[in-house]
Amino acid sequence: KITKEALEEAYERAHKLNLNVKGVLITNPSNPLGTSTTREE
């Protein structure tokens, strides 16, 4: 599952690499896992 902590960590890691984050891209259902994104996610 996608967590707030994982999102924030990825965003901060991008900024430390001097990358401008333009968005989030998900696959739903997940490729390769086949799981569906929950309402909470």
All heavy atoms as atom14 arrays in JSON, in Angstrom:
{
  "sequence": "KITKEALEEAYERAHKLNLNVKGVLITNPSNPLGTSTTREE",
  "atom14_mask": [
    [1, 1, 1, 1, 1, 1, 1, 1, 1, 0, 0, 0, 0, 0],
    [1, 1, 1, 1, 1, 1, 1, 1, 0, 0, 0, 0, 0, 0],
    [1, 1, 1, 1, 1, 1, 1, 0, 0, 0, 0, 0, 0, 0],
    [1, 1, 1, 1, 1, 1, 1, 1, 1, 0, 0, 0, 0, 0],
    [1, 1, 1, 1, 1, 1, 1, 1, 1, 0, 0, 0, 0, 0],
    [1, 1, 1, 1, 1, 0, 0, 0, 0, 0, 0, 0, 0, 0],
    [1, 1, 1, 1, 1, 1, 1, 1, 0, 0, 0, 0, 0, 0],
    [1, 1, 1, 1, 1, 1, 1, 1, 1, 0, 0, 0, 0, 0],
    [1, 1, 1, 1, 1, 1, 1, 1, 1, 0, 0, 0, 0, 0],
    [1, 1, 1, 1, 1, 0, 0, 0, 0, 0, 0, 0, 0, 0],
    [1, 1, 1, 1, 1, 1, 1, 1, 1, 1, 1, 1, 0, 0],
    [1, 1, 1, 1, 1, 1, 1, 1, 1, 0, 0, 0, 0, 0],
    [1, 1, 1, 1, 1, 1, 1, 1, 1, 1, 1, 0, 0, 0],
    [1, 1, 1, 1, 1, 0, 0, 0, 0, 0, 0, 0, 0, 0],
    [1, 1, 1, 1, 1, 1, 1, 1, 1, 1, 0, 0, 0, 0],
    [1, 1, 1, 1, 1, 1, 1, 1, 1, 0, 0, 0, 0, 0],
    [1, 1, 1, 1, 1, 1, 1, 1, 0, 0, 0, 0, 0, 0],
    [1, 1, 1, 1, 1, 1, 1, 1, 0, 0, 0, 0, 0, 0],
    [1, 1, 1, 1, 1, 1, 1, 1, 0, 0, 0, 0, 0, 0],
    [1, 1, 1, 1, 1, 1, 1, 1, 0, 0, 0, 0, 0, 0],
    [1, 1, 1, 1, 1, 1, 1, 0, 0, 0, 0, 0, 0, 0],
    [1, 1, 1, 1, 1, 1, 1, 1, 1, 0, 0, 0, 0, 0],
    [1, 1, 1, 1, 0, 0, 0, 0, 0, 0, 0, 0, 0, 0],
    [1, 1, 1, 1, 1, 1, 1, 0, 0, 0, 0, 0, 0, 0],
    [1, 1, 1, 1, 1, 1, 1, 1, 0, 0, 0, 0, 0, 0],
    [1, 1, 1, 1, 1, 1, 1, 1, 0, 0, 0, 0, 0, 0],
    [1, 1, 1, 1, 1, 1, 1, 0, 0, 0, 0, 0, 0, 0],
    [1, 1, 1, 1, 1, 1, 1, 1, 0, 0, 0, 0, 0, 0],
    [1, 1, 1, 1, 1, 1, 1, 0, 0, 0, 0, 0, 0, 0],
    [1, 1, 1, 1, 1, 1, 0, 0, 0, 0, 0, 0, 0, 0],
    [1, 1, 1, 1, 1, 1, 1, 1, 0, 0, 0, 0, 0, 0],
    [1, 1, 1, 1, 1, 1, 1, 0, 0, 0, 0, 0, 0, 0],
    [1, 1, 1, 1, 1, 1, 1, 1, 0, 0, 0, 0, 0, 0],
    [1, 1, 1, 1, 0, 0, 0, 0, 0, 0, 0, 0, 0, 0],
    [1, 1, 1, 1, 1, 1, 1, 0, 0, 0, 0, 0, 0, 0],
    [1, 1, 1, 1, 1, 1, 0, 0, 0, 0, 0, 0, 0, 0],
    [1, 1, 1, 1, 1, 1, 1, 0, 0, 0, 0, 0, 0, 0],
    [1, 1, 1, 1, 1, 1, 1, 0, 0, 0, 0, 0, 0, 0],
    [1, 1, 1, 1, 1, 1, 1, 1, 1, 1, 1, 0, 0, 0],
    [1, 1, 1, 1, 1, 1, 1, 1, 1, 0, 0, 0, 0, 0],
    [1, 1, 1, 1, 1, 1, 1, 1, 1, 0, 0, 0, 0, 0]
  ],
  "atom14_positions": [
    [[0.84, -1.2, 0.0], [0.0, 0.0, 0.0], [0.88, 1.25, 0.0], [1.97, 1.27, 0.56], [-0.91, 0.01, 1.22], [-1.83, -1.19, 1.31], [-3.25, -0.77, 1.37], [-4.21, -1.92, 1.48], [-4.26, -2.81, 0.37], [0.0, 0.0, 0.0], [0.0, 0.0, 0.0], [0.0, 0.0, 0.0], [0.0, 0.0, 0.0], [0.0, 0.0, 0.0]],
    [[0.37, 2.29, -0.62], [1.06, 3.58, -0.65], [0.8, 4.27, 0.69], [-0.36, 4.39, 1.11], [0.55, 4.45, -1.81], [0.76, 3.74, -3.15], [1.22, 5.82, -1.8], [-0.02, 4.33, -4.3], [0.0, 0.0, 0.0], [0.0, 0.0, 0.0], [0.0, 0.0, 0.0], [0.0, 0.0, 0.0], [0.0, 0.0, 0.0], [0.0, 0.0, 0.0]],
    [[1.85, 4.73, 1.34], [1.7, 5.42, 2.63], [2.13, 6.88, 2.5], [2.9, 7.23, 1.6], [2.54, 4.75, 3.72], [3.93, 4.89, 3.39], [2.17, 3.28, 3.89], [0.0, 0.0, 0.0], [0.0, 0.0, 0.0], [0.0, 0.0, 0.0], [0.0, 0.0, 0.0], [0.0, 0.0, 0.0], [0.0, 0.0, 0.0], [0.0, 0.0, 0.0]],
    [[1.65, 7.68, 3.43], [2.03, 9.09, 3.46], [3.54, 9.23, 3.63], [4.18, 10.05, 2.98], [1.29, 9.81, 4.59], [1.61, 11.28, 4.67], [0.81, 11.98, 5.76], [1.13, 13.46, 5.75], [0.4, 14.18, 6.79], [0.0, 0.0, 0.0], [0.0, 0.0, 0.0], [0.0, 0.0, 0.0], [0.0, 0.0, 0.0], [0.0, 0.0, 0.0]],
    [[4.11, 8.39, 4.5], [5.56, 8.45, 4.75], [6.35, 8.13, 3.49], [7.34, 8.81, 3.18], [5.93, 7.47, 5.87], [5.33, 7.8, 7.23], [3.85, 7.43, 7.36], [3.36, 6.56, 6.61], [3.18, 8.06, 8.2], [0.0, 0.0, 0.0], [0.0, 0.0, 0.0], [0.0, 0.0, 0.0], [0.0, 0.0, 0.0], [0.0, 0.0, 0.0]],
    [[5.91, 7.12, 2.74], [6.61, 6.74, 1.51], [6.5, 7.83, 0.45], [7.47, 8.12, -0.26], [6.07, 5.42, 0.98], [0.0, 0.0, 0.0], [0.0, 0.0, 0.0], [0.0, 0.0, 0.0], [0.0, 0.0, 0.0], [0.0, 0.0, 0.0], [0.0, 0.0, 0.0], [0.0, 0.0, 0.0], [0.0, 0.0, 0.0], [0.0, 0.0, 0.0]],
    [[5.33, 8.46, 0.36], [5.14, 9.56, -0.59], [6.06, 10.73, -0.26], [6.75, 11.26, -1.13], [3.69, 10.06, -0.54], [2.67, 9.43, -1.46], [1.27, 9.92, -1.12], [2.99, 9.73, -2.91], [0.0, 0.0, 0.0], [0.0, 0.0, 0.0], [0.0, 0.0, 0.0], [0.0, 0.0, 0.0], [0.0, 0.0, 0.0], [0.0, 0.0, 0.0]],
    [[6.05, 11.13, 1.02], [6.88, 12.26, 1.44], [8.37, 11.96, 1.25], [9.13, 12.82, 0.82], [6.6, 12.62, 2.91], [5.23, 13.19, 3.15], [5.01, 14.6, 2.6], [5.99, 15.25, 2.17], [3.85, 15.03, 2.6], [0.0, 0.0, 0.0], [0.0, 0.0, 0.0], [0.0, 0.0, 0.0], [0.0, 0.0, 0.0], [0.0, 0.0, 0.0]],
    [[8.78, 10.72, 1.55], [10.17, 10.34, 1.4], [10.6, 10.4, -0.06], [11.68, 10.91, -0.38], [10.39, 8.93, 1.97], [11.84, 8.52, 2.13], [12.47, 7.97, 0.85], [11.76, 7.37, 0.01], [13.68, 8.14, 0.69], [0.0, 0.0, 0.0], [0.0, 0.0, 0.0], [0.0, 0.0, 0.0], [0.0, 0.0, 0.0], [0.0, 0.0, 0.0]],
    [[9.76, 9.92, -0.97], [10.08, 9.97, -2.4], [10.16, 11.41, -2.88], [11.06, 11.78, -3.65], [9.03, 9.2, -3.21], [0.0, 0.0, 0.0], [0.0, 0.0, 0.0], [0.0, 0.0, 0.0], [0.0, 0.0, 0.0], [0.0, 0.0, 0.0], [0.0, 0.0, 0.0], [0.0, 0.0, 0.0], [0.0, 0.0, 0.0], [0.0, 0.0, 0.0]],
    [[9.25, 12.25, -2.42], [9.24, 13.66, -2.81], [10.51, 14.36, -2.34], [11.16, 15.08, -3.12], [7.99, 14.34, -2.22], [7.74, 15.72, -2.72], [7.05, 15.93, -3.9], [8.15, 16.83, -1.99], [6.8, 17.22, -4.36], [7.91, 18.12, -2.44], [7.23, 18.31, -3.63], [6.99, 19.59, -4.08], [0.0, 0.0, 0.0], [0.0, 0.0, 0.0]],
    [[10.89, 14.1, -1.11], [12.12, 14.7, -0.56], [13.37, 14.17, -1.27], [14.31, 14.93, -1.55], [12.22, 14.46, 0.94], [11.19, 15.22, 1.75], [11.21, 16.73, 1.48], [12.31, 17.32, 1.41], [10.11, 17.31, 1.32], [0.0, 0.0, 0.0], [0.0, 0.0, 0.0], [0.0, 0.0, 0.0], [0.0, 0.0, 0.0], [0.0, 0.0, 0.0]],
    [[13.38, 12.87, -1.57], [14.52, 12.27, -2.3], [14.67, 12.93, -3.67], [15.79, 13.24, -4.1], [14.32, 10.75, -2.44], [15.55, 10.02, -2.89], [15.48, 8.5, -2.72], [14.21, 7.95, -2.29], [13.3, 7.43, -3.12], [13.53, 7.37, -4.41], [12.17, 6.94, -2.65], [0.0, 0.0, 0.0], [0.0, 0.0, 0.0], [0.0, 0.0, 0.0]],
    [[13.56, 13.17, -4.35], [13.61, 13.84, -5.66], [14.23, 15.23, -5.53], [15.08, 15.62, -6.33], [12.22, 13.93, -6.26], [0.0, 0.0, 0.0], [0.0, 0.0, 0.0], [0.0, 0.0, 0.0], [0.0, 0.0, 0.0], [0.0, 0.0, 0.0], [0.0, 0.0, 0.0], [0.0, 0.0, 0.0], [0.0, 0.0, 0.0], [0.0, 0.0, 0.0]],
    [[13.81, 15.96, -4.52], [14.34, 17.32, -4.33], [15.83, 17.3, -3.98], [16.58, 18.18, -4.42], [13.52, 18.09, -3.3], [12.25, 18.61, -3.91], [12.18, 19.76, -4.64], [11.0, 18.08, -3.92], [10.96, 19.95, -5.07], [10.22, 18.93, -4.65], [0.0, 0.0, 0.0], [0.0, 0.0, 0.0], [0.0, 0.0, 0.0], [0.0, 0.0, 0.0]],
    [[16.27, 16.3, -3.22], [17.7, 16.17, -2.92], [18.51, 15.88, -4.18], [19.7, 16.2, -4.25], [17.94, 15.09, -1.87], [17.53, 15.51, -0.48], [17.75, 14.41, 0.53], [17.26, 14.87, 1.89], [17.28, 13.79, 2.88], [0.0, 0.0, 0.0], [0.0, 0.0, 0.0], [0.0, 0.0, 0.0], [0.0, 0.0, 0.0], [0.0, 0.0, 0.0]],
    [[17.86, 15.28, -5.17], [18.51, 15.01, -6.46], [18.33, 16.17, -7.44], [18.64, 16.05, -8.62], [17.93, 13.73, -7.08], [18.21, 12.45, -6.31], [17.37, 11.29, -6.87], [19.7, 12.11, -6.36], [0.0, 0.0, 0.0], [0.0, 0.0, 0.0], [0.0, 0.0, 0.0], [0.0, 0.0, 0.0], [0.0, 0.0, 0.0], [0.0, 0.0, 0.0]],
    [[17.8, 17.31, -6.93], [17.54, 18.49, -7.74], [16.56, 18.24, -8.88], [16.68, 18.78, -9.97], [18.84, 19.1, -8.29], [19.7, 19.66, -7.19], [19.2, 20.33, -6.28], [20.98, 19.36, -7.24], [0.0, 0.0, 0.0], [0.0, 0.0, 0.0], [0.0, 0.0, 0.0], [0.0, 0.0, 0.0], [0.0, 0.0, 0.0], [0.0, 0.0, 0.0]],
    [[15.57, 17.4, -8.6], [14.52, 17.1, -9.57], [13.25, 17.84, -9.18], [12.86, 17.86, -8.01], [14.24, 15.6, -9.62], [15.39, 14.7, -10.06], [15.03, 13.24, -9.85], [15.73, 14.97, -11.53], [0.0, 0.0, 0.0], [0.0, 0.0, 0.0], [0.0, 0.0, 0.0], [0.0, 0.0, 0.0], [0.0, 0.0, 0.0], [0.0, 0.0, 0.0]],
    [[12.61, 18.45, -10.15], [11.34, 19.12, -9.95], [10.24, 18.08, -10.14], [10.04, 17.57, -11.23], [11.19, 20.26, -10.97], [9.91, 21.03, -10.79], [9.37, 21.12, -9.7], [9.41, 21.57, -11.89], [0.0, 0.0, 0.0], [0.0, 0.0, 0.0], [0.0, 0.0, 0.0], [0.0, 0.0, 0.0], [0.0, 0.0, 0.0], [0.0, 0.0, 0.0]],
    [[9.51, 17.77, -9.08], [8.47, 16.76, -9.14], [7.24, 17.36, -9.81], [6.68, 18.35, -9.34], [8.11, 16.21, -7.75], [6.95, 15.22, -7.83], [9.33, 15.57, -7.09], [0.0, 0.0, 0.0], [0.0, 0.0, 0.0], [0.0, 0.0, 0.0], [0.0, 0.0, 0.0], [0.0, 0.0, 0.0], [0.0, 0.0, 0.0], [0.0, 0.0, 0.0]],
    [[6.82, 16.75, -10.91], [5.66, 17.23, -11.66], [4.4, 16.43, -11.38], [3.31, 16.88, -11.71], [5.96, 17.19, -13.16], [7.1, 18.1, -13.59], [6.82, 19.54, -13.27], [5.94, 20.14, -14.32], [5.89, 21.59, -14.34], [0.0, 0.0, 0.0], [0.0, 0.0, 0.0], [0.0, 0.0, 0.0], [0.0, 0.0, 0.0], [0.0, 0.0, 0.0]],
    [[4.56, 15.23, -10.78], [3.35, 14.47, -10.5], [3.63, 13.09, -9.95], [4.77, 12.68, -9.75], [0.0, 0.0, 0.0], [0.0, 0.0, 0.0], [0.0, 0.0, 0.0], [0.0, 0.0, 0.0], [0.0, 0.0, 0.0], [0.0, 0.0, 0.0], [0.0, 0.0, 0.0], [0.0, 0.0, 0.0], [0.0, 0.0, 0.0], [0.0, 0.0, 0.0]],
    [[2.52, 12.39, -9.73], [2.53, 11.0, -9.3], [1.8, 10.21, -10.38], [0.74, 10.64, -10.86], [1.81, 10.82, -7.94], [1.72, 9.35, -7.56], [2.51, 11.62, -6.85], [0.0, 0.0, 0.0], [0.0, 0.0, 0.0], [0.0, 0.0, 0.0], [0.0, 0.0, 0.0], [0.0, 0.0, 0.0], [0.0, 0.0, 0.0], [0.0, 0.0, 0.0]],
    [[2.36, 9.06, -10.76], [1.71, 8.18, -11.71], [1.54, 6.81, -11.06], [2.5, 6.26, -10.54], [2.53, 8.05, -13.0], [1.88, 7.22, -14.11], [2.22, 7.8, -15.47], [2.3, 5.77, -14.06], [0.0, 0.0, 0.0], [0.0, 0.0, 0.0], [0.0, 0.0, 0.0], [0.0, 0.0, 0.0], [0.0, 0.0, 0.0], [0.0, 0.0, 0.0]],
    [[0.29, 6.32, -11.07], [0.04, 4.98, -10.56], [-0.55, 4.13, -11.68], [-1.07, 4.67, -12.66], [-0.93, 4.97, -9.35], [-2.33, 5.49, -9.75], [-0.35, 5.78, -8.2], [-3.4, 5.26, -8.69], [0.0, 0.0, 0.0], [0.0, 0.0, 0.0], [0.0, 0.0, 0.0], [0.0, 0.0, 0.0], [0.0, 0.0, 0.0], [0.0, 0.0, 0.0]],
    [[-0.44, 2.82, -11.54], [-1.2, 1.92, -12.39], [-2.26, 1.29, -11.5], [-1.98, 0.9, -10.36], [-0.32, 0.82, -13.02], [0.37, 0.11, -12.02], [0.68, 1.43, -14.0], [0.0, 0.0, 0.0], [0.0, 0.0, 0.0], [0.0, 0.0, 0.0], [0.0, 0.0, 0.0], [0.0, 0.0, 0.0], [0.0, 0.0, 0.0], [0.0, 0.0, 0.0]],
    [[-3.49, 1.26, -11.99], [-4.6, 0.75, -11.19], [-5.52, -0.09, -12.06], [-6.17, 0.47, -12.93], [-5.37, 1.92, -10.57], [-6.42, 1.45, -9.61], [-6.27, 0.44, -8.94], [-7.52, 2.18, -9.54], [0.0, 0.0, 0.0], [0.0, 0.0, 0.0], [0.0, 0.0, 0.0], [0.0, 0.0, 0.0], [0.0, 0.0, 0.0], [0.0, 0.0, 0.0]],
    [[-5.51, -1.41, -11.88], [-4.76, -2.15, -10.88], [-3.27, -2.1, -11.15], [-2.84, -1.81, -12.26], [-5.3, -3.58, -10.98], [-5.88, -3.67, -12.34], [-6.35, -2.3, -12.71], [0.0, 0.0, 0.0], [0.0, 0.0, 0.0], [0.0, 0.0, 0.0], [0.0, 0.0, 0.0], [0.0, 0.0, 0.0], [0.0, 0.0, 0.0], [0.0, 0.0, 0.0]],
    [[-2.51, -2.39, -10.1], [-1.06, -2.31, -10.16], [-0.5, -3.27, -11.21], [-0.92, -4.4, -11.32], [-0.46, -2.67, -8.8], [0.94, -2.87, -8.9], [0.0, 0.0, 0.0], [0.0, 0.0, 0.0], [0.0, 0.0, 0.0], [0.0, 0.0, 0.0], [0.0, 0.0, 0.0], [0.0, 0.0, 0.0], [0.0, 0.0, 0.0], [0.0, 0.0, 0.0]],
    [[0.45, -2.76, -11.96], [1.26, -3.6, -12.82], [2.67, -3.47, -12.26], [3.23, -2.38, -12.31], [1.21, -3.11, -14.27], [2.03, -3.97, -15.21], [2.65, -4.94, -14.79], [2.05, -3.6, -16.47], [0.0, 0.0, 0.0], [0.0, 0.0, 0.0], [0.0, 0.0, 0.0], [0.0, 0.0, 0.0], [0.0, 0.0, 0.0], [0.0, 0.0, 0.0]],
    [[3.17, -4.49, -11.59], [2.97, -5.92, -11.79], [2.16, -6.64, -10.72], [1.94, -7.85, -10.86], [4.41, -6.44, -11.75], [5.08, -5.58, -10.72], [4.45, -4.22, -10.88], [0.0, 0.0, 0.0], [0.0, 0.0, 0.0], [0.0, 0.0, 0.0], [0.0, 0.0, 0.0], [0.0, 0.0, 0.0], [0.0, 0.0, 0.0], [0.0, 0.0, 0.0]],
    [[1.71, -5.99, -9.67], [1.12, -6.71, -8.54], [-0.31, -7.17, -8.76], [-0.73, -8.16, -8.17], [1.19, -5.84, -7.27], [2.58, -5.44, -6.81], [2.49, -4.44, -5.67], [3.39, -6.65, -6.43], [0.0, 0.0, 0.0], [0.0, 0.0, 0.0], [0.0, 0.0, 0.0], [0.0, 0.0, 0.0], [0.0, 0.0, 0.0], [0.0, 0.0, 0.0]],
    [[-1.08, -6.45, -9.55], [-2.48, -6.81, -9.77], [-3.42, -6.35, -8.68], [-4.61, -6.63, -8.73], [0.0, 0.0, 0.0], [0.0, 0.0, 0.0], [0.0, 0.0, 0.0], [0.0, 0.0, 0.0], [0.0, 0.0, 0.0], [0.0, 0.0, 0.0], [0.0, 0.0, 0.0], [0.0, 0.0, 0.0], [0.0, 0.0, 0.0], [0.0, 0.0, 0.0]],
    [[-2.92, -5.61, -7.7], [-3.76, -5.11, -6.61], [-4.46, -3.83, -7.03], [-3.95, -3.07, -7.85], [-2.92, -4.83, -5.35], [-1.86, -3.93, -5.71], [-2.32, -6.11, -4.79], [0.0, 0.0, 0.0], [0.0, 0.0, 0.0], [0.0, 0.0, 0.0], [0.0, 0.0, 0.0], [0.0, 0.0, 0.0], [0.0, 0.0, 0.0], [0.0, 0.0, 0.0]],
    [[-5.64, -3.6, -6.48], [-6.38, -2.37, -6.77], [-6.04, -1.31, -5.72], [-5.87, -1.63, -4.54], [-7.89, -2.62, -6.74], [-8.26, -3.47, -7.79], [0.0, 0.0, 0.0], [0.0, 0.0, 0.0], [0.0, 0.0, 0.0], [0.0, 0.0, 0.0], [0.0, 0.0, 0.0], [0.0, 0.0, 0.0], [0.0, 0.0, 0.0], [0.0, 0.0, 0.0]],
    [[-5.98, -0.08, -6.17], [-5.75, 1.04, -5.25], [-6.98, 1.21, -4.37], [-8.11, 1.22, -4.87], [-5.48, 2.32, -6.05], [-4.41, 2.09, -6.97], [-5.11, 3.48, -5.14], [0.0, 0.0, 0.0], [0.0, 0.0, 0.0], [0.0, 0.0, 0.0], [0.0, 0.0, 0.0], [0.0, 0.0, 0.0], [0.0, 0.0, 0.0], [0.0, 0.0, 0.0]],
    [[-6.77, 1.34, -3.07], [-7.89, 1.49, -2.14], [-8.39, 2.94, -2.13], [-7.69, 3.86, -2.56], [-7.48, 1.11, -0.71], [-6.49, 2.04, -0.25], [-6.95, -0.32, -0.64], [0.0, 0.0, 0.0], [0.0, 0.0, 0.0], [0.0, 0.0, 0.0], [0.0, 0.0, 0.0], [0.0, 0.0, 0.0], [0.0, 0.0, 0.0], [0.0, 0.0, 0.0]],
    [[-9.59, 3.12, -1.6], [-10.16, 4.46, -1.45], [-9.23, 5.32, -0.59], [-9.0, 6.49, -0.88], [-11.54, 4.36, -0.82], [-12.17, 5.69, -0.41], [-12.47, 6.57, -1.59], [-13.51, 5.97, -2.38], [-14.43, 6.64, -3.03], [-14.46, 7.94, -2.97], [-15.33, 6.01, -3.75], [0.0, 0.0, 0.0], [0.0, 0.0, 0.0], [0.0, 0.0, 0.0]],
    [[-8.68, 4.72, 0.47], [-7.78, 5.46, 1.37], [-6.52, 5.91, 0.62], [-6.05, 7.04, 0.81], [-7.4, 4.6, 2.57], [-8.55, 4.31, 3.51], [-9.52, 3.22, 3.02], [-9.12, 2.39, 2.15], [-10.67, 3.21, 3.47], [0.0, 0.0, 0.0], [0.0, 0.0, 0.0], [0.0, 0.0, 0.0], [0.0, 0.0, 0.0], [0.0, 0.0, 0.0]],
    [[-5.97, 5.03, -0.21], [-4.79, 5.4, -0.98], [-5.12, 6.51, -1.98], [-4.33, 7.45, -2.14], [-4.23, 4.19, -1.73], [-3.54, 3.18, -0.85], [-3.17, 1.94, -1.62], [-4.09, 1.2, -2.05], [-1.96, 1.72, -1.82], [0.0, 0.0, 0.0], [0.0, 0.0, 0.0], [0.0, 0.0, 0.0], [0.0, 0.0, 0.0], [0.0, 0.0, 0.0]]
  ]
}
